[in-house]
């Protein structure tokens, strides 16, 4: 049986979540924001590349002995 979440707690958490990102970005310098964005892009590309490579190897009959 799934536990029901307290709607008031969910709303409060969501409210804080909406403030966090923009507040953090406002404190960073342009160079820091750029570096953070660059790291995020590299992480996304790495994840996409790994997923693509995994798809290429699924059902691969070229097993080396």
PDB file of N, CA and C in Angstrom:
ATOM      1  N   UNK A   1       0.848  -1.170   0.000  1.00  0.00           N
ATOM      2  CA  UNK A   1       0.000   0.000   0.000  1.00  0.00           C
ATOM      3  C   UNK A   1       0.903   1.246   0.000  1.00  0.00           C
ATOM      4  N   UNK A   2       0.633   2.153  -0.912  1.00  0.00           N
ATOM      5  CA  UNK A   2       1.444   3.370  -1.013  1.00  0.00           C
ATOM      6  C   UNK A   2       1.050   4.359   0.087  1.00  0.00           C
ATOM      7  N   UNK A   3       2.078   5.023   0.629  1.00  0.00           N
ATOM      8  CA  UNK A   3       1.808   6.011   1.668  1.00  0.00           C
ATOM      9  C   UNK A   3       1.340   7.311   1.015  1.00  0.00           C
ATOM     10  N   UNK A   4       0.345   7.930   1.609  1.00  0.00           N
ATOM     11  CA  UNK A   4      -0.144   9.218   1.111  1.00  0.00           C
ATOM     12  C   UNK A   4       0.757  10.322   1.639  1.00  0.00           C
ATOM     13  N   UNK A   5       1.088  11.268   0.777  1.00  0.00           N
ATOM     14  CA  UNK A   5       1.905  12.394   1.190  1.00  0.00           C
ATOM     15  C   UNK A   5       1.015  13.499   1.737  1.00  0.00           C
ATOM     16  N   UNK A   6       1.562  14.223   2.681  1.00  0.00           N
ATOM     17  CA  UNK A   6       0.848  15.348   3.261  1.00  0.00           C
ATOM     18  C   UNK A   6       0.833  16.483   2.220  1.00  0.00           C
ATOM     19  N   UNK A   7      -0.345  16.883   1.733  1.00  0.00           N
ATOM     20  CA  UNK A   7      -0.422  17.919   0.694  1.00  0.00           C
ATOM     21  C   UNK A   7       0.222  19.242   1.116  1.00  0.00           C
ATOM     22  N   UNK A   8       0.106  19.587   2.390  1.00  0.00           N
ATOM     23  CA  UNK A   8       0.696  20.837   2.871  1.00  0.00           C
ATOM     24  C   UNK A   8       2.222  20.767   2.800  1.00  0.00           C
ATOM     25  N   UNK A   9       2.783  19.619   3.157  1.00  0.00           N
ATOM     26  CA  UNK A   9       4.231  19.442   3.103  1.00  0.00           C
ATOM     27  C   UNK A   9       4.730  19.449   1.653  1.00  0.00           C
ATOM     28  N   UNK A  10       3.969  18.832   0.769  1.00  0.00           N
ATOM     29  CA  UNK A  10       4.330  18.813  -0.647  1.00  0.00           C
ATOM     30  C   UNK A  10       4.336  20.231  -1.207  1.00  0.00           C
ATOM     31  N   UNK A  11       3.316  21.008  -0.881  1.00  0.00           N
ATOM     32  CA  UNK A  11       3.226  22.390  -1.367  1.00  0.00           C
ATOM     33  C   UNK A  11       4.383  23.228  -0.834  1.00  0.00           C
ATOM     34  N   UNK A  12       4.715  23.045   0.432  1.00  0.00           N
ATOM     35  CA  UNK A  12       5.814  23.803   1.028  1.00  0.00           C
ATOM     36  C   UNK A  12       7.145  23.440   0.367  1.00  0.00           C
ATOM     37  N   UNK A  13       7.373  22.168   0.129  1.00  0.00           N
ATOM     38  CA  UNK A  13       8.601  21.743  -0.536  1.00  0.00           C
ATOM     39  C   UNK A  13       8.692  22.258  -1.957  1.00  0.00           C
ATOM     40  N   UNK A  14       7.575  22.254  -2.641  1.00  0.00           N
ATOM     41  CA  UNK A  14       7.540  22.759  -4.021  1.00  0.00           C
ATOM     42  C   UNK A  14       7.833  24.251  -4.048  1.00  0.00           C
ATOM     43  N   UNK A  15       7.307  24.972  -3.099  1.00  0.00           N
ATOM     44  CA  UNK A  15       7.524  26.417  -3.033  1.00  0.00           C
ATOM     45  C   UNK A  15       9.012  26.727  -2.873  1.00  0.00           C
ATOM     46  N   UNK A  16       9.676  26.003  -2.003  1.00  0.00           N
ATOM     47  CA  UNK A  16      11.111  26.199  -1.815  1.00  0.00           C
ATOM     48  C   UNK A  16      11.892  25.804  -3.050  1.00  0.00           C
ATOM     49  N   UNK A  17      11.442  24.751  -3.727  1.00  0.00           N
ATOM     50  CA  UNK A  17      12.114  24.288  -4.939  1.00  0.00           C
ATOM     51  C   UNK A  17      12.035  25.302  -6.060  1.00  0.00           C
ATOM     52  N   UNK A  18      10.972  26.033  -6.127  1.00  0.00           N
ATOM     53  CA  UNK A  18      10.815  27.039  -7.167  1.00  0.00           C
ATOM     54  C   UNK A  18      11.760  28.221  -6.953  1.00  0.00           C
ATOM     55  N   UNK A  19      12.144  28.459  -5.710  1.00  0.00           N
ATOM     56  CA  UNK A  19      13.015  29.593  -5.404  1.00  0.00           C
ATOM     57  C   UNK A  19      14.485  29.245  -5.535  1.00  0.00           C
ATOM     58  N   UNK A  20      14.846  27.992  -5.272  1.00  0.00           N
ATOM     59  CA  UNK A  20      16.242  27.598  -5.133  1.00  0.00           C
ATOM     60  C   UNK A  20      17.130  27.857  -6.328  1.00  0.00           C
ATOM     61  N   UNK A  21      16.733  27.412  -7.505  1.00  0.00           N
ATOM     62  CA  UNK A  21      17.570  27.540  -8.696  1.00  0.00           C
ATOM     63  C   UNK A  21      17.868  28.984  -9.066  1.00  0.00           C
ATOM     64  N   UNK A  22      16.840  29.819  -9.216  1.00  0.00           N
ATOM     65  CA  UNK A  22      17.089  31.218  -9.558  1.00  0.00           C
ATOM     66  C   UNK A  22      17.885  31.966  -8.480  1.00  0.00           C
ATOM     67  N   UNK A  23      17.652  31.638  -7.204  1.00  0.00           N
ATOM     68  CA  UNK A  23      18.392  32.298  -6.127  1.00  0.00           C
ATOM     69  C   UNK A  23      19.865  31.920  -6.199  1.00  0.00           C
ATOM     70  N   UNK A  24      20.148  30.643  -6.479  1.00  0.00           N
ATOM     71  CA  UNK A  24      21.540  30.199  -6.590  1.00  0.00           C
ATOM     72  C   UNK A  24      22.195  30.858  -7.798  1.00  0.00           C
ATOM     73  N   UNK A  25      21.504  30.901  -8.921  1.00  0.00           N
ATOM     74  CA  UNK A  25      22.056  31.489 -10.140  1.00  0.00           C
ATOM     75  C   UNK A  25      22.351  32.981  -9.958  1.00  0.00           C
ATOM     76  N   UNK A  26      21.522  33.660  -9.185  1.00  0.00           N
ATOM     77  CA  UNK A  26      21.721  35.090  -8.973  1.00  0.00           C
ATOM     78  C   UNK A  26      23.000  35.372  -8.192  1.00  0.00           C
ATOM     79  N   UNK A  27      23.426  34.412  -7.363  1.00  0.00           N
ATOM     80  CA  UNK A  27      24.638  34.602  -6.562  1.00  0.00           C
ATOM     81  C   UNK A  27      25.910  34.295  -7.334  1.00  0.00           C
ATOM     82  N   UNK A  28      25.797  33.530  -8.420  1.00  0.00           N
ATOM     83  CA  UNK A  28      26.977  33.121  -9.172  1.00  0.00           C
ATOM     84  C   UNK A  28      27.413  34.201 -10.162  1.00  0.00           C
ATOM     85  N   UNK A  29      28.708  34.223 -10.452  1.00  0.00           N
ATOM     86  CA  UNK A  29      29.204  35.124 -11.483  1.00  0.00           C
ATOM     87  C   UNK A  29      28.886  34.509 -12.843  1.00  0.00           C
ATOM     88  N   UNK A  30      29.010  35.299 -13.889  1.00  0.00           N
ATOM     89  CA  UNK A  30      28.754  34.794 -15.241  1.00  0.00           C
ATOM     90  C   UNK A  30      29.691  33.635 -15.558  1.00  0.00           C
ATOM     91  N   UNK A  31      30.940  33.731 -15.127  1.00  0.00           N
ATOM     92  CA  UNK A  31      31.907  32.670 -15.379  1.00  0.00           C
ATOM     93  C   UNK A  31      31.509  31.389 -14.630  1.00  0.00           C
ATOM     94  N   UNK A  32      31.039  31.523 -13.402  1.00  0.00           N
ATOM     95  CA  UNK A  32      30.619  30.346 -12.633  1.00  0.00           C
ATOM     96  C   UNK A  32      29.390  29.693 -13.254  1.00  0.00           C
ATOM     97  N   UNK A  33      28.441  30.518 -13.718  1.00  0.00           N
ATOM     98  CA  UNK A  33      27.244  29.970 -14.377  1.00  0.00           C
ATOM     99  C   UNK A  33      27.633  29.230 -15.649  1.00  0.00           C
ATOM    100  N   UNK A  34      28.571  29.801 -16.407  1.00  0.00           N
ATOM    101  CA  UNK A  34      29.025  29.182 -17.643  1.00  0.00           C
ATOM    102  C   UNK A  34      29.689  27.833 -17.361  1.00  0.00           C
ATOM    103  N   UNK A  35      30.534  27.785 -16.352  1.00  0.00           N
ATOM    104  CA  UNK A  35      31.217  26.538 -15.996  1.00  0.00           C
ATOM    105  C   UNK A  35      30.210  25.477 -15.538  1.00  0.00           C
ATOM    106  N   UNK A  36      29.225  25.886 -14.757  1.00  0.00           N
ATOM    107  CA  UNK A  36      28.195  24.962 -14.290  1.00  0.00           C
ATOM    108  C   UNK A  36      27.402  24.402 -15.470  1.00  0.00           C
ATOM    109  N   UNK A  37      27.049  25.265 -16.408  1.00  0.00           N
ATOM    110  CA  UNK A  37      26.302  24.830 -17.587  1.00  0.00           C
ATOM    111  C   UNK A  37      27.148  23.885 -18.438  1.00  0.00           C
ATOM    112  N   UNK A  38      28.434  24.186 -18.574  1.00  0.00           N
ATOM    113  CA  UNK A  38      29.336  23.339 -19.358  1.00  0.00           C
ATOM    114  C   UNK A  38      29.422  21.938 -18.743  1.00  0.00           C
ATOM    115  N   UNK A  39      29.541  21.869 -17.418  1.00  0.00           N
ATOM    116  CA  UNK A  39      29.607  20.579 -16.746  1.00  0.00           C
ATOM    117  C   UNK A  39      28.309  19.795 -16.949  1.00  0.00           C
ATOM    118  N   UNK A  40      27.172  20.490 -16.913  1.00  0.00           N
ATOM    119  CA  UNK A  40      25.881  19.826 -17.096  1.00  0.00           C
ATOM    120  C   UNK A  40      25.764  19.258 -18.510  1.00  0.00           C
ATOM    121  N   UNK A  41      26.208  20.021 -19.499  1.00  0.00           N
ATOM    122  CA  UNK A  41      26.143  19.558 -20.884  1.00  0.00           C
ATOM    123  C   UNK A  41      27.029  18.341 -21.085  1.00  0.00           C
ATOM    124  N   UNK A  42      28.247  18.390 -20.542  1.00  0.00           N
ATOM    125  CA  UNK A  42      29.146  17.244 -20.679  1.00  0.00           C
ATOM    126  C   UNK A  42      28.564  15.999 -20.026  1.00  0.00           C
ATOM    127  N   UNK A  43      27.898  16.170 -18.896  1.00  0.00           N
ATOM    128  CA  UNK A  43      27.268  15.031 -18.226  1.00  0.00           C
ATOM    129  C   UNK A  43      26.135  14.463 -19.080  1.00  0.00           C
ATOM    130  N   UNK A  44      25.340  15.331 -19.686  1.00  0.00           N
ATOM    131  CA  UNK A  44      24.247  14.857 -20.549  1.00  0.00           C
ATOM    132  C   UNK A  44      24.797  14.138 -21.770  1.00  0.00           C
ATOM    133  N   UNK A  45      25.837  14.685 -22.392  1.00  0.00           N
ATOM    134  CA  UNK A  45      26.431  14.044 -23.570  1.00  0.00           C
ATOM    135  C   UNK A  45      27.014  12.693 -23.206  1.00  0.00           C
ATOM    136  N   UNK A  46      27.682  12.606 -22.065  1.00  0.00           N
ATOM    137  CA  UNK A  46      28.271  11.340 -21.638  1.00  0.00           C
ATOM    138  C   UNK A  46      27.179  10.295 -21.420  1.00  0.00           C
ATOM    139  N   UNK A  47      26.079  10.711 -20.814  1.00  0.00           N
ATOM    140  CA  UNK A  47      24.974   9.780 -20.564  1.00  0.00           C
ATOM    141  C   UNK A  47      24.362   9.323 -21.892  1.00  0.00           C
ATOM    142  N   UNK A  48      24.192  10.241 -22.844  1.00  0.00           N
ATOM    143  CA  UNK A  48      23.618   9.890 -24.139  1.00  0.00           C
ATOM    144  C   UNK A  48      24.555   8.958 -24.896  1.00  0.00           C
ATOM    145  N   UNK A  49      25.862   9.228 -24.830  1.00  0.00           N
ATOM    146  CA  UNK A  49      26.843   8.396 -25.516  1.00  0.00           C
ATOM    147  C   UNK A  49      26.842   6.980 -24.937  1.00  0.00           C
ATOM    148  N   UNK A  50      26.786   6.872 -23.617  1.00  0.00           N
ATOM    149  CA  UNK A  50      26.761   5.560 -22.968  1.00  0.00           C
ATOM    150  C   UNK A  50      25.505   4.790 -23.366  1.00  0.00           C
ATOM    151  N   UNK A  51      24.390   5.486 -23.429  1.00  0.00           N
ATOM    152  CA  UNK A  51      23.129   4.834 -23.802  1.00  0.00           C
ATOM    153  C   UNK A  51      23.202   4.333 -25.243  1.00  0.00           C
ATOM    154  N   UNK A  52      23.783   5.154 -26.128  1.00  0.00           N
ATOM    155  CA  UNK A  52      23.903   4.774 -27.532  1.00  0.00           C
ATOM    156  C   UNK A  52      24.831   3.568 -27.681  1.00  0.00           C
ATOM    157  N   UNK A  53      25.966   3.578 -26.984  1.00  0.00           N
ATOM    158  CA  UNK A  53      26.902   2.459 -27.063  1.00  0.00           C
ATOM    159  C   UNK A  53      26.280   1.179 -26.515  1.00  0.00           C
ATOM    160  N   UNK A  54      25.502   1.301 -25.457  1.00  0.00           N
ATOM    161  CA  UNK A  54      24.839   0.127 -24.888  1.00  0.00           C
ATOM    162  C   UNK A  54      23.854  -0.453 -25.898  1.00  0.00           C
ATOM    163  N   UNK A  55      23.124   0.422 -26.597  1.00  0.00           N
ATOM    164  CA  UNK A  55      22.151  -0.036 -27.584  1.00  0.00           C
ATOM    165  C   UNK A  55      22.853  -0.746 -28.741  1.00  0.00           C
ATOM    166  N   UNK A  56      24.050  -0.296 -29.105  1.00  0.00           N
ATOM    167  CA  UNK A  56      24.777  -0.927 -30.193  1.00  0.00           C
ATOM    168  C   UNK A  56      25.261  -2.317 -29.825  1.00  0.00           C
ATOM    169  N   UNK A  57      25.531  -2.555 -28.547  1.00  0.00           N
ATOM    170  CA  UNK A  57      26.076  -3.829 -28.116  1.00  0.00           C
ATOM    171  C   UNK A  57      25.014  -4.853 -27.720  1.00  0.00           C
ATOM    172  N   UNK A  58      23.786  -4.444 -27.603  1.00  0.00           N
ATOM    173  CA  UNK A  58      22.724  -5.378 -27.240  1.00  0.00           C
ATOM    174  C   UNK A  58      22.499  -6.322 -28.430  1.00  0.00           C
ATOM    175  N   UNK A  59      22.586  -7.603 -28.168  1.00  0.00           N
ATOM    176  CA  UNK A  59      22.375  -8.592 -29.220  1.00  0.00           C
ATOM    177  C   UNK A  59      23.551  -8.710 -30.165  1.00  0.00           C
ATOM    178  N   UNK A  60      24.696  -8.181 -29.783  1.00  0.00           N
ATOM    179  CA  UNK A  60      25.896  -8.219 -30.616  1.00  0.00           C
ATOM    180  C   UNK A  60      26.419  -9.657 -30.655  1.00  0.00           C
ATOM    181  N   UNK A  61      26.557 -10.229 -31.845  1.00  0.00           N
ATOM    182  CA  UNK A  61      27.016 -11.614 -31.988  1.00  0.00           C
ATOM    183  C   UNK A  61      28.524 -11.720 -32.119  1.00  0.00           C
ATOM    184  N   UNK A  62      29.216 -10.618 -32.080  1.00  0.00           N
ATOM    185  CA  UNK A  62      30.670 -10.626 -32.240  1.00  0.00           C
ATOM    186  C   UNK A  62      31.356 -10.856 -30.901  1.00  0.00           C
ATOM    187  N   UNK A  63      31.229 -12.062 -30.372  1.00  0.00           N
ATOM    188  CA  UNK A  63      31.866 -12.369 -29.102  1.00  0.00           C
ATOM    189  C   UNK A  63      33.269 -12.878 -29.361  1.00  0.00           C
ATOM    190  N   UNK A  64      34.231 -12.353 -28.647  1.00  0.00           N
ATOM    191  CA  UNK A  64      35.617 -12.775 -28.816  1.00  0.00           C
ATOM    192  C   UNK A  64      35.914 -13.888 -27.816  1.00  0.00           C
ATOM    193  N   UNK A  65      36.676 -14.859 -28.271  1.00  0.00           N
ATOM    194  CA  UNK A  65      37.041 -15.966 -27.389  1.00  0.00           C
ATOM    195  C   UNK A  65      38.467 -15.884 -26.967  1.00  0.00           C
TER     196      UNK A  65
END
